[in-house]
Amino acid sequence: MNFLASNLNGADFLLSLLLILVVAKLFAEVFERLGQPAVVGEILAGIVIAPSVLALVKPTDIISTFAEIGVIFCSLQSGLKQSHRQF
């Protein structure tokens, strides 16, 4: 698997993935308690931990691949919710 060859070793990748998931969940929970959509909190979490703000997670090929897969699942899920509402 060529896309797994990046400058992160396995432990660093898992730590980055854990950090992304925990921070996204925390922001989502805060936004839900404020009466806002959780996805807005998750997007804001991504902005905060990205290299442009706090630089807690470094962009790599594998992180980018997981991000693209996440966007595909999010689009699929929102499409399924929209089609469910029509019936």
Foldseek 3Di string as FASTA:
>chain_A
DVLVDKPDDPVLVVVLVVQLVVQLVVQLVVQVVVVHHSVVRSVVSCVCCPPVHVVVDDDGSVVVVVVVVVVVVVVVVVVVVVVVVVD
